[in-house]
N, C-alpha and C. Protein backbone atom coordinates (compact mmCIF):
# COMPACT_ATOMS: atom_id res chain seq x y z
N MET A 1 116.36 111.40 105.09
CA MET A 1 117.37 111.54 106.13
C MET A 1 118.68 112.01 105.50
N GLN A 2 119.15 113.17 105.91
CA GLN A 2 120.33 113.76 105.31
C GLN A 2 121.60 113.01 105.70
N ALA A 3 122.46 112.79 104.71
CA ALA A 3 123.71 112.09 104.96
C ALA A 3 124.85 113.11 105.10
N PRO A 4 125.59 113.09 106.20
CA PRO A 4 126.73 114.00 106.35
C PRO A 4 127.85 113.61 105.39
N THR A 5 128.71 114.55 105.09
CA THR A 5 129.80 114.33 104.14
C THR A 5 131.12 114.87 104.70
N PHE A 6 132.17 114.68 103.94
CA PHE A 6 133.48 115.24 104.26
C PHE A 6 133.71 116.57 103.54
N ALA A 7 132.67 117.23 103.07
CA ALA A 7 132.84 118.44 102.27
C ALA A 7 133.65 119.50 103.00
N LYS A 8 133.26 119.82 104.24
CA LYS A 8 133.99 120.85 105.00
C LYS A 8 135.39 120.37 105.34
N GLU A 9 135.51 119.10 105.71
CA GLU A 9 136.83 118.56 106.03
C GLU A 9 137.77 118.63 104.83
N ARG A 10 137.28 118.30 103.66
CA ARG A 10 138.13 118.32 102.47
C ARG A 10 138.48 119.76 102.07
N GLU A 11 137.55 120.66 102.29
CA GLU A 11 137.84 122.08 102.04
C GLU A 11 138.98 122.55 102.94
N LEU A 12 138.92 122.19 104.21
CA LEU A 12 139.97 122.58 105.14
C LEU A 12 141.28 121.87 104.83
N SER A 13 141.18 120.61 104.43
CA SER A 13 142.38 119.86 104.07
C SER A 13 143.10 120.52 102.90
N SER A 14 142.34 121.04 101.94
CA SER A 14 142.94 121.72 100.79
C SER A 14 143.63 123.01 101.19
N GLN A 15 143.28 123.54 102.38
CA GLN A 15 143.91 124.75 102.89
C GLN A 15 145.13 124.44 103.77
N GLY A 16 145.43 123.15 103.91
CA GLY A 16 146.63 122.77 104.66
C GLY A 16 146.38 122.18 106.02
N TYR A 17 145.11 122.14 106.46
CA TYR A 17 144.80 121.52 107.75
C TYR A 17 144.85 120.00 107.57
N ARG A 18 145.57 119.34 108.45
CA ARG A 18 145.74 117.89 108.31
C ARG A 18 144.85 117.11 109.26
N PHE A 19 144.90 117.45 110.54
CA PHE A 19 144.13 116.71 111.54
C PHE A 19 142.95 117.57 111.98
N ILE A 20 141.77 117.18 111.52
CA ILE A 20 140.54 117.95 111.74
C ILE A 20 139.64 117.17 112.67
N ALA A 21 139.35 117.74 113.83
CA ALA A 21 138.54 117.04 114.83
C ALA A 21 137.10 117.52 114.78
N GLY A 22 136.18 116.58 114.70
CA GLY A 22 134.77 116.88 114.87
C GLY A 22 134.40 116.75 116.34
N VAL A 23 133.59 117.68 116.84
CA VAL A 23 133.25 117.71 118.27
C VAL A 23 131.74 117.84 118.43
N ASP A 24 131.17 117.03 119.29
CA ASP A 24 129.73 117.11 119.58
C ASP A 24 129.48 116.62 121.00
N GLU A 25 128.26 116.86 121.48
CA GLU A 25 127.90 116.47 122.84
C GLU A 25 126.51 115.83 122.85
N VAL A 26 126.21 115.16 123.95
CA VAL A 26 124.87 114.65 124.21
C VAL A 26 124.56 114.88 125.69
N GLY A 27 123.28 115.00 125.97
CA GLY A 27 122.85 115.10 127.36
C GLY A 27 122.54 116.50 127.84
N ARG A 28 122.56 117.50 126.96
CA ARG A 28 122.29 118.87 127.42
C ARG A 28 120.89 118.99 128.00
N GLY A 29 119.92 118.33 127.39
CA GLY A 29 118.54 118.50 127.84
C GLY A 29 118.06 117.51 128.86
N ALA A 30 118.92 116.60 129.29
CA ALA A 30 118.50 115.59 130.26
C ALA A 30 118.28 116.20 131.63
N LEU A 31 117.49 115.54 132.45
CA LEU A 31 117.23 115.98 133.82
C LEU A 31 118.18 115.33 134.82
N ALA A 32 118.90 114.31 134.39
CA ALA A 32 119.79 113.58 135.30
C ALA A 32 121.05 113.17 134.56
N GLY A 33 122.13 113.01 135.32
CA GLY A 33 123.37 112.53 134.75
C GLY A 33 124.20 113.62 134.10
N PRO A 34 125.33 113.24 133.54
CA PRO A 34 126.28 114.20 132.99
C PRO A 34 125.95 114.63 131.57
N VAL A 35 126.63 115.65 131.11
CA VAL A 35 126.71 115.94 129.68
C VAL A 35 128.03 115.35 129.21
N VAL A 36 128.00 114.66 128.08
CA VAL A 36 129.17 113.95 127.56
C VAL A 36 129.50 114.49 126.17
N ALA A 37 130.77 114.74 125.93
CA ALA A 37 131.22 115.22 124.62
C ALA A 37 132.27 114.27 124.07
N ALA A 38 132.39 114.28 122.75
CA ALA A 38 133.43 113.49 122.09
C ALA A 38 134.09 114.32 121.01
N ALA A 39 135.36 114.07 120.80
CA ALA A 39 136.12 114.64 119.69
C ALA A 39 136.69 113.49 118.89
N VAL A 40 136.52 113.53 117.59
CA VAL A 40 136.96 112.43 116.72
C VAL A 40 137.73 113.00 115.53
N ILE A 41 138.89 112.43 115.28
CA ILE A 41 139.66 112.73 114.08
C ILE A 41 139.63 111.50 113.19
N LEU A 42 139.11 111.65 111.98
CA LEU A 42 139.01 110.55 111.03
C LEU A 42 140.07 110.69 109.95
N PRO A 43 140.54 109.57 109.40
CA PRO A 43 141.50 109.62 108.29
C PRO A 43 140.79 109.97 106.99
N LEU A 44 140.95 111.18 106.52
CA LEU A 44 140.22 111.64 105.34
C LEU A 44 140.61 110.90 104.08
N GLU A 45 141.82 110.32 104.08
CA GLU A 45 142.29 109.65 102.87
C GLU A 45 141.64 108.28 102.67
N ASN A 46 140.96 107.77 103.69
CA ASN A 46 140.32 106.45 103.60
C ASN A 46 138.81 106.60 103.52
N ASP A 47 138.24 106.22 102.41
CA ASP A 47 136.80 106.32 102.22
C ASP A 47 136.15 105.00 102.63
N PHE A 48 136.05 104.78 103.94
CA PHE A 48 135.49 103.53 104.45
C PHE A 48 134.05 103.35 103.99
N ALA A 49 133.69 102.14 103.62
CA ALA A 49 132.33 101.86 103.15
C ALA A 49 131.29 102.17 104.22
N TRP A 50 131.64 101.95 105.50
CA TRP A 50 130.65 102.16 106.56
C TRP A 50 130.30 103.62 106.77
N LEU A 51 131.11 104.54 106.25
CA LEU A 51 130.80 105.96 106.43
C LEU A 51 129.46 106.34 105.80
N SER A 52 129.03 105.59 104.79
CA SER A 52 127.74 105.88 104.16
C SER A 52 126.58 105.63 105.11
N ARG A 53 126.82 104.89 106.18
CA ARG A 53 125.76 104.58 107.15
C ARG A 53 125.73 105.57 108.31
N VAL A 54 126.70 106.48 108.36
CA VAL A 54 126.78 107.42 109.47
C VAL A 54 125.71 108.50 109.31
N ARG A 55 125.03 108.77 110.42
CA ARG A 55 124.07 109.86 110.51
C ARG A 55 124.23 110.51 111.88
N ASP A 56 123.57 111.64 112.08
CA ASP A 56 123.44 112.20 113.42
C ASP A 56 122.94 111.10 114.34
N SER A 57 123.53 110.99 115.53
CA SER A 57 123.22 109.86 116.42
C SER A 57 121.74 109.75 116.74
N LYS A 58 121.02 110.88 116.74
CA LYS A 58 119.59 110.85 117.07
C LYS A 58 118.77 110.18 115.97
N GLN A 59 119.35 110.04 114.78
CA GLN A 59 118.64 109.45 113.65
C GLN A 59 118.91 107.95 113.50
N LEU A 60 119.69 107.40 114.42
CA LEU A 60 120.07 105.99 114.33
C LEU A 60 119.44 105.19 115.46
N THR A 61 119.17 103.92 115.20
CA THR A 61 118.70 103.04 116.26
C THR A 61 119.85 102.74 117.21
N PRO A 62 119.55 102.35 118.46
CA PRO A 62 120.62 101.99 119.39
C PRO A 62 121.55 100.92 118.83
N ARG A 63 121.00 99.92 118.16
CA ARG A 63 121.83 98.85 117.61
C ARG A 63 122.77 99.38 116.54
N ARG A 64 122.27 100.25 115.64
CA ARG A 64 123.11 100.80 114.59
C ARG A 64 124.19 101.72 115.18
N ARG A 65 123.82 102.49 116.22
CA ARG A 65 124.82 103.34 116.87
C ARG A 65 125.96 102.51 117.44
N GLU A 66 125.62 101.42 118.10
CA GLU A 66 126.65 100.55 118.68
C GLU A 66 127.56 99.98 117.60
N GLN A 67 126.97 99.57 116.49
CA GLN A 67 127.76 99.00 115.39
C GLN A 67 128.73 100.03 114.82
N ILE A 68 128.23 101.23 114.56
CA ILE A 68 129.08 102.27 113.99
C ILE A 68 130.11 102.75 115.01
N PHE A 69 129.73 102.79 116.27
CA PHE A 69 130.68 103.16 117.33
C PHE A 69 131.91 102.27 117.27
N GLU A 70 131.71 100.97 117.15
CA GLU A 70 132.85 100.04 117.09
C GLU A 70 133.68 100.26 115.83
N LEU A 71 133.02 100.58 114.72
CA LEU A 71 133.76 100.84 113.49
C LEU A 71 134.58 102.13 113.60
N ILE A 72 134.01 103.13 114.27
CA ILE A 72 134.77 104.37 114.50
C ILE A 72 135.99 104.09 115.35
N ARG A 73 135.82 103.30 116.39
CA ARG A 73 136.95 102.97 117.28
C ARG A 73 138.07 102.27 116.51
N GLN A 74 137.69 101.42 115.57
CA GLN A 74 138.69 100.68 114.81
C GLN A 74 139.37 101.55 113.75
N SER A 75 138.68 102.56 113.24
CA SER A 75 139.15 103.27 112.05
C SER A 75 139.67 104.68 112.32
N ARG A 76 139.39 105.25 113.44
CA ARG A 76 139.75 106.63 113.71
C ARG A 76 141.24 106.80 113.89
N ILE A 77 141.70 108.05 113.78
CA ILE A 77 143.07 108.38 114.16
C ILE A 77 143.13 108.63 115.66
N ALA A 78 142.14 109.35 116.16
CA ALA A 78 142.12 109.66 117.60
C ALA A 78 140.69 109.93 118.05
N ILE A 79 140.40 109.54 119.31
CA ILE A 79 139.12 109.82 119.96
C ILE A 79 139.39 110.40 121.33
N GLY A 80 138.68 111.46 121.69
CA GLY A 80 138.73 112.00 123.03
C GLY A 80 137.33 112.12 123.59
N ILE A 81 137.16 111.87 124.88
CA ILE A 81 135.85 111.93 125.51
C ILE A 81 135.93 112.83 126.74
N GLY A 82 134.95 113.69 126.90
CA GLY A 82 134.85 114.56 128.07
C GLY A 82 133.50 114.42 128.73
N MET A 83 133.47 114.60 130.03
CA MET A 83 132.23 114.44 130.79
C MET A 83 132.16 115.50 131.89
N THR A 84 131.03 116.19 131.97
CA THR A 84 130.80 117.16 133.04
C THR A 84 129.64 116.67 133.90
N SER A 85 129.86 116.59 135.18
CA SER A 85 128.89 115.98 136.09
C SER A 85 127.66 116.85 136.30
N HIS A 86 126.62 116.23 136.85
CA HIS A 86 125.40 116.95 137.17
C HIS A 86 125.66 118.05 138.19
N THR A 87 126.59 117.84 139.11
CA THR A 87 126.88 118.86 140.12
C THR A 87 127.54 120.08 139.48
N ASP A 88 128.43 119.85 138.52
CA ASP A 88 129.04 120.99 137.82
C ASP A 88 128.01 121.69 136.94
N ILE A 89 127.11 120.93 136.34
CA ILE A 89 126.04 121.55 135.55
C ILE A 89 125.22 122.48 136.43
N ASP A 90 124.88 122.04 137.62
CA ASP A 90 124.12 122.88 138.54
C ASP A 90 124.92 124.11 138.96
N ALA A 91 126.23 123.95 139.09
CA ALA A 91 127.06 125.04 139.60
C ALA A 91 127.34 126.12 138.55
N ILE A 92 127.56 125.71 137.30
CA ILE A 92 128.00 126.69 136.30
C ILE A 92 127.03 126.86 135.13
N GLY A 93 125.98 126.05 135.07
CA GLY A 93 125.03 126.16 133.97
C GLY A 93 125.37 125.22 132.83
N ILE A 94 124.36 124.89 132.06
CA ILE A 94 124.53 123.83 131.06
C ILE A 94 125.41 124.25 129.89
N VAL A 95 125.39 125.53 129.50
CA VAL A 95 126.22 125.94 128.36
C VAL A 95 127.70 125.87 128.72
N LYS A 96 128.07 126.42 129.87
CA LYS A 96 129.47 126.34 130.30
C LYS A 96 129.88 124.89 130.54
N ALA A 97 128.96 124.11 131.10
CA ALA A 97 129.26 122.69 131.35
C ALA A 97 129.48 121.95 130.04
N THR A 98 128.70 122.28 129.02
CA THR A 98 128.87 121.65 127.71
C THR A 98 130.22 122.01 127.12
N ARG A 99 130.58 123.28 127.19
CA ARG A 99 131.89 123.69 126.68
C ARG A 99 133.02 123.03 127.47
N MET A 100 132.82 122.85 128.77
CA MET A 100 133.83 122.18 129.58
C MET A 100 134.05 120.75 129.11
N ALA A 101 132.95 120.03 128.86
CA ALA A 101 133.06 118.65 128.39
C ALA A 101 133.71 118.59 127.01
N MET A 102 133.34 119.52 126.13
CA MET A 102 133.93 119.55 124.80
C MET A 102 135.43 119.83 124.86
N GLY A 103 135.81 120.80 125.70
CA GLY A 103 137.22 121.12 125.84
C GLY A 103 138.01 119.94 126.38
N GLN A 104 137.42 119.23 127.34
CA GLN A 104 138.09 118.04 127.88
C GLN A 104 138.25 116.99 126.80
N ALA A 105 137.22 116.81 125.97
CA ALA A 105 137.30 115.82 124.89
C ALA A 105 138.44 116.15 123.93
N VAL A 106 138.58 117.42 123.58
CA VAL A 106 139.66 117.82 122.67
C VAL A 106 141.02 117.57 123.31
N ARG A 107 141.13 117.91 124.59
CA ARG A 107 142.41 117.71 125.28
C ARG A 107 142.73 116.24 125.50
N GLU A 108 141.73 115.37 125.46
CA GLU A 108 141.95 113.94 125.64
C GLU A 108 142.40 113.25 124.36
N LEU A 109 142.38 113.95 123.24
CA LEU A 109 142.88 113.36 121.99
C LEU A 109 144.35 113.00 122.15
N ALA A 110 144.78 111.97 121.44
CA ALA A 110 146.16 111.51 121.57
C ALA A 110 147.16 112.56 121.11
N PHE A 111 146.74 113.45 120.24
CA PHE A 111 147.59 114.57 119.82
C PHE A 111 146.69 115.73 119.45
N SER A 112 147.27 116.92 119.41
CA SER A 112 146.47 118.12 119.17
C SER A 112 146.04 118.21 117.71
N PRO A 113 144.75 118.45 117.47
CA PRO A 113 144.29 118.64 116.09
C PRO A 113 144.74 120.00 115.57
N ASP A 114 144.65 120.16 114.25
CA ASP A 114 144.99 121.44 113.63
C ASP A 114 143.82 122.42 113.69
N CYS A 115 142.60 121.88 113.73
CA CYS A 115 141.41 122.73 113.80
C CYS A 115 140.22 121.89 114.26
N LEU A 116 139.12 122.58 114.57
CA LEU A 116 137.94 121.92 115.11
C LEU A 116 136.70 122.26 114.29
N LEU A 117 135.86 121.26 114.10
CA LEU A 117 134.50 121.45 113.60
C LEU A 117 133.56 121.08 114.74
N ILE A 118 132.75 122.03 115.18
CA ILE A 118 131.94 121.85 116.39
C ILE A 118 130.47 122.01 116.05
N ASP A 119 129.65 121.16 116.62
CA ASP A 119 128.21 121.28 116.40
C ASP A 119 127.69 122.52 117.13
N ALA A 120 127.42 123.56 116.38
CA ALA A 120 126.75 124.78 116.83
C ALA A 120 127.59 125.70 117.71
N LEU A 121 128.36 125.18 118.64
CA LEU A 121 129.05 126.01 119.61
C LEU A 121 130.45 126.42 119.16
N SER A 122 131.05 127.32 119.95
CA SER A 122 132.47 127.63 119.83
C SER A 122 133.13 127.33 121.16
N LEU A 123 134.44 127.16 121.15
CA LEU A 123 135.18 126.87 122.37
C LEU A 123 136.25 127.94 122.56
N PRO A 124 135.89 129.06 123.20
CA PRO A 124 136.85 130.15 123.37
C PRO A 124 138.11 129.75 124.14
N GLY A 125 138.02 128.73 124.97
CA GLY A 125 139.17 128.31 125.76
C GLY A 125 140.15 127.43 125.02
N ILE A 126 139.84 127.06 123.78
CA ILE A 126 140.73 126.20 122.99
C ILE A 126 141.37 127.06 121.89
N PRO A 127 142.68 127.29 121.96
CA PRO A 127 143.35 128.18 121.00
C PRO A 127 143.65 127.49 119.67
N LEU A 128 142.59 127.08 118.99
CA LEU A 128 142.72 126.44 117.68
C LEU A 128 141.72 127.07 116.71
N PRO A 129 142.03 127.11 115.41
CA PRO A 129 141.01 127.51 114.44
C PRO A 129 139.80 126.59 114.58
N GLN A 130 138.62 127.17 114.55
CA GLN A 130 137.41 126.35 114.77
C GLN A 130 136.22 126.96 114.06
N TRP A 131 135.31 126.06 113.71
CA TRP A 131 134.09 126.46 113.03
C TRP A 131 132.90 125.82 113.75
N GLY A 132 131.98 126.65 114.25
CA GLY A 132 130.74 126.16 114.82
C GLY A 132 129.72 126.02 113.70
N ILE A 133 129.23 124.83 113.48
CA ILE A 133 128.35 124.56 112.35
C ILE A 133 126.95 124.19 112.87
N VAL A 134 125.97 124.99 112.52
CA VAL A 134 124.59 124.69 112.89
C VAL A 134 124.15 123.41 112.18
N ARG A 135 123.55 122.50 112.91
CA ARG A 135 123.20 121.16 112.40
C ARG A 135 124.44 120.43 111.89
N GLY A 136 125.55 120.67 112.56
CA GLY A 136 126.81 120.07 112.14
C GLY A 136 126.79 118.56 112.13
N ASP A 137 126.02 117.96 113.06
CA ASP A 137 125.96 116.50 113.11
C ASP A 137 125.19 115.92 111.93
N GLN A 138 124.49 116.76 111.17
CA GLN A 138 123.81 116.30 109.97
C GLN A 138 124.60 116.63 108.70
N LEU A 139 125.65 117.46 108.85
CA LEU A 139 126.39 117.93 107.68
C LEU A 139 127.81 117.37 107.59
N SER A 140 128.47 117.24 108.73
CA SER A 140 129.88 116.85 108.76
C SER A 140 130.03 115.43 109.29
N LEU A 141 130.75 114.60 108.56
CA LEU A 141 130.98 113.23 109.02
C LEU A 141 131.78 113.19 110.32
N SER A 142 132.73 114.09 110.48
CA SER A 142 133.52 114.11 111.70
C SER A 142 132.66 114.43 112.91
N ILE A 143 131.77 115.42 112.76
CA ILE A 143 130.88 115.79 113.86
C ILE A 143 129.87 114.67 114.12
N ALA A 144 129.33 114.09 113.05
CA ALA A 144 128.36 113.00 113.22
C ALA A 144 128.98 111.83 113.96
N CYS A 145 130.23 111.50 113.62
CA CYS A 145 130.90 110.40 114.32
C CYS A 145 131.13 110.76 115.79
N ALA A 146 131.46 112.03 116.06
CA ALA A 146 131.60 112.45 117.45
C ALA A 146 130.27 112.34 118.20
N SER A 147 129.18 112.65 117.52
CA SER A 147 127.87 112.54 118.18
C SER A 147 127.55 111.09 118.52
N ILE A 148 127.95 110.16 117.66
CA ILE A 148 127.71 108.73 117.93
C ILE A 148 128.56 108.26 119.10
N VAL A 149 129.84 108.65 119.12
CA VAL A 149 130.71 108.24 120.22
C VAL A 149 130.19 108.81 121.54
N ALA A 150 129.79 110.07 121.55
CA ALA A 150 129.28 110.68 122.77
C ALA A 150 127.99 110.01 123.23
N LYS A 151 127.10 109.73 122.28
CA LYS A 151 125.80 109.13 122.62
C LYS A 151 125.97 107.73 123.19
N VAL A 152 126.77 106.89 122.53
CA VAL A 152 126.97 105.52 123.03
C VAL A 152 127.65 105.54 124.39
N THR A 153 128.64 106.40 124.55
CA THR A 153 129.34 106.50 125.84
C THR A 153 128.39 106.90 126.95
N ARG A 154 127.58 107.91 126.70
CA ARG A 154 126.66 108.37 127.75
C ARG A 154 125.55 107.34 128.02
N ASP A 155 125.04 106.73 126.96
CA ASP A 155 123.99 105.71 127.16
C ASP A 155 124.50 104.56 128.02
N ARG A 156 125.71 104.12 127.77
CA ARG A 156 126.27 103.04 128.58
C ARG A 156 126.43 103.47 130.04
N TYR A 157 126.86 104.71 130.22
CA TYR A 157 127.05 105.22 131.59
C TYR A 157 125.71 105.31 132.32
N MET A 158 124.69 105.80 131.64
CA MET A 158 123.37 105.91 132.28
C MET A 158 122.79 104.54 132.58
N THR A 159 123.07 103.55 131.75
CA THR A 159 122.62 102.18 132.02
C THR A 159 123.28 101.65 133.30
N GLU A 160 124.55 101.99 133.50
CA GLU A 160 125.23 101.60 134.74
C GLU A 160 124.60 102.30 135.94
N LEU A 161 124.27 103.59 135.79
CA LEU A 161 123.66 104.33 136.89
C LEU A 161 122.29 103.78 137.26
N ASP A 162 121.61 103.17 136.29
CA ASP A 162 120.30 102.58 136.56
C ASP A 162 120.38 101.51 137.64
N ARG A 163 121.52 100.82 137.72
CA ARG A 163 121.69 99.79 138.75
C ARG A 163 121.84 100.42 140.14
N SER A 164 122.43 101.60 140.19
CA SER A 164 122.61 102.28 141.47
C SER A 164 121.36 103.03 141.91
N TYR A 165 120.55 103.45 140.95
CA TYR A 165 119.34 104.22 141.26
C TYR A 165 118.15 103.60 140.55
N PRO A 166 117.70 102.43 141.03
CA PRO A 166 116.58 101.73 140.37
C PRO A 166 115.27 102.48 140.59
N GLY A 167 114.34 102.20 139.70
CA GLY A 167 113.00 102.77 139.84
C GLY A 167 112.74 103.96 138.94
N TYR A 168 113.79 104.59 138.42
CA TYR A 168 113.61 105.76 137.57
C TYR A 168 113.58 105.42 136.08
N GLY A 169 114.04 104.24 135.72
CA GLY A 169 114.07 103.86 134.32
C GLY A 169 115.21 104.50 133.54
N LEU A 170 116.32 104.78 134.23
CA LEU A 170 117.43 105.47 133.58
C LEU A 170 117.98 104.70 132.38
N ALA A 171 117.98 103.39 132.44
CA ALA A 171 118.49 102.60 131.33
C ALA A 171 117.63 102.76 130.09
N ARG A 172 116.36 103.15 130.29
CA ARG A 172 115.45 103.28 129.16
C ARG A 172 115.50 104.70 128.57
N HIS A 173 115.31 105.71 129.42
CA HIS A 173 115.20 107.08 128.90
C HIS A 173 116.49 107.88 129.02
N LYS A 174 117.50 107.32 129.69
CA LYS A 174 118.84 107.92 129.79
C LYS A 174 118.82 109.29 130.48
N GLY A 175 117.82 109.50 131.33
CA GLY A 175 117.78 110.73 132.11
C GLY A 175 116.98 111.86 131.50
N TYR A 176 116.45 111.67 130.29
CA TYR A 176 115.65 112.71 129.65
C TYR A 176 114.25 112.77 130.27
N GLY A 177 113.58 113.88 130.03
CA GLY A 177 112.31 114.13 130.70
C GLY A 177 111.12 113.46 130.03
N THR A 178 111.14 112.17 129.92
CA THR A 178 110.01 111.43 129.37
C THR A 178 108.87 111.40 130.38
N ARG A 179 107.72 110.97 129.91
CA ARG A 179 106.56 110.87 130.81
C ARG A 179 106.84 109.90 131.96
N GLN A 180 107.50 108.78 131.62
CA GLN A 180 107.82 107.81 132.67
C GLN A 180 108.78 108.39 133.69
N HIS A 181 109.78 109.14 133.21
CA HIS A 181 110.76 109.72 134.12
C HIS A 181 110.11 110.74 135.05
N LEU A 182 109.25 111.60 134.47
CA LEU A 182 108.58 112.60 135.29
C LEU A 182 107.66 111.95 136.32
N ALA A 183 107.01 110.85 135.92
CA ALA A 183 106.16 110.14 136.87
C ALA A 183 106.99 109.54 138.00
N SER A 184 108.15 109.01 137.67
CA SER A 184 109.04 108.46 138.69
C SER A 184 109.53 109.54 139.63
N LEU A 185 109.82 110.71 139.07
CA LEU A 185 110.25 111.83 139.91
C LEU A 185 109.15 112.23 140.90
N CYS A 186 107.92 112.27 140.42
CA CYS A 186 106.80 112.62 141.30
C CYS A 186 106.64 111.59 142.40
N HIS A 187 106.86 110.32 142.06
CA HIS A 187 106.63 109.25 143.03
C HIS A 187 107.79 109.08 144.00
N LEU A 188 109.02 109.15 143.48
CA LEU A 188 110.20 108.85 144.29
C LEU A 188 110.96 110.09 144.76
N GLY A 189 110.72 111.23 144.10
CA GLY A 189 111.54 112.40 144.37
C GLY A 189 112.85 112.30 143.62
N ALA A 190 113.64 113.35 143.69
CA ALA A 190 114.92 113.36 142.99
C ALA A 190 115.94 112.48 143.69
N CYS A 191 116.83 111.90 142.91
CA CYS A 191 117.93 111.11 143.47
C CYS A 191 119.23 111.92 143.33
N PRO A 192 120.35 111.44 143.85
CA PRO A 192 121.58 112.25 143.87
C PRO A 192 122.12 112.66 142.51
N ILE A 193 121.72 112.01 141.41
CA ILE A 193 122.29 112.39 140.11
C ILE A 193 121.35 113.30 139.32
N HIS A 194 120.24 113.73 139.90
CA HIS A 194 119.36 114.66 139.20
C HIS A 194 119.94 116.07 139.24
N ARG A 195 119.66 116.82 138.19
CA ARG A 195 120.14 118.20 138.07
C ARG A 195 119.17 119.13 138.80
N GLN A 196 119.58 119.58 139.96
CA GLN A 196 118.69 120.36 140.81
C GLN A 196 118.35 121.72 140.20
N SER A 197 119.16 122.21 139.27
CA SER A 197 118.91 123.52 138.67
C SER A 197 117.91 123.46 137.52
N PHE A 198 117.55 122.26 137.07
CA PHE A 198 116.61 122.15 135.96
C PHE A 198 115.19 122.24 136.48
N VAL A 199 114.34 122.93 135.72
CA VAL A 199 113.02 123.32 136.22
C VAL A 199 112.18 122.16 136.75
N PRO A 200 112.00 121.05 136.03
CA PRO A 200 111.14 119.98 136.58
C PRO A 200 111.66 119.44 137.91
N VAL A 201 112.97 119.31 138.05
CA VAL A 201 113.54 118.80 139.30
C VAL A 201 113.40 119.85 140.40
N ARG A 202 113.69 121.10 140.07
CA ARG A 202 113.60 122.19 141.06
C ARG A 202 112.16 122.37 141.53
N ARG A 203 111.21 122.22 140.61
CA ARG A 203 109.80 122.38 140.99
C ARG A 203 109.37 121.29 141.97
N LEU A 204 109.83 120.07 141.72
CA LEU A 204 109.52 118.98 142.63
C LEU A 204 110.10 119.24 144.01
N ALA A 205 111.34 119.73 144.06
CA ALA A 205 111.98 120.01 145.33
C ALA A 205 111.23 121.11 146.07
N ARG A 206 110.79 122.12 145.35
CA ARG A 206 110.07 123.24 145.98
C ARG A 206 108.73 122.79 146.52
N ASN A 207 108.09 121.85 145.81
CA ASN A 207 106.78 121.36 146.25
C ASN A 207 106.88 120.28 147.30
N GLY A 208 108.14 119.86 147.60
CA GLY A 208 108.34 118.85 148.62
C GLY A 208 107.96 117.47 148.19
N SER A 209 107.95 117.23 146.86
CA SER A 209 107.57 115.90 146.36
C SER A 209 108.73 114.95 146.45
């Protein structure tokens, strides 16, 4: 399991960039609920011991994500969170919706960063120096921490939605297209938070299921 580092952040710091925000999202591939993004600025001068436990959020257990999430909250300089709803995803498409959530996360930071490190994407609407890094959540500690914040935030939100829309197992699969979720869709049909533009949901609607 690859451990992310501050290599890119320290390179940029040596070039004069002081506040470097890592940006990542979760929920792009889900069939229900929002896409959630986070932006995190970490203090590069503090080599916290817990940073050695940080990984891409998908490589961590839910319990470990929650633990590191709290450590990030205590240790960060700034955190911003953005969320784009399922209705906006249907209206503008998932890529634009993802960029919208990321842009909101950056704007929600307590102060403007000097530059951005983004997992894979670029944000043309944000007038800051930025680097889109493929597998950034596995390489950059700032991006990995953003992925954890986004994942925990979205998981908690989907668990709340499970109470409003019982029967789909949202608290378990968080809206992704698992076998259980697809079976629930076939049995119950789509609910108001499903993404109607996504193929499995659209196919069910077309078939009248």
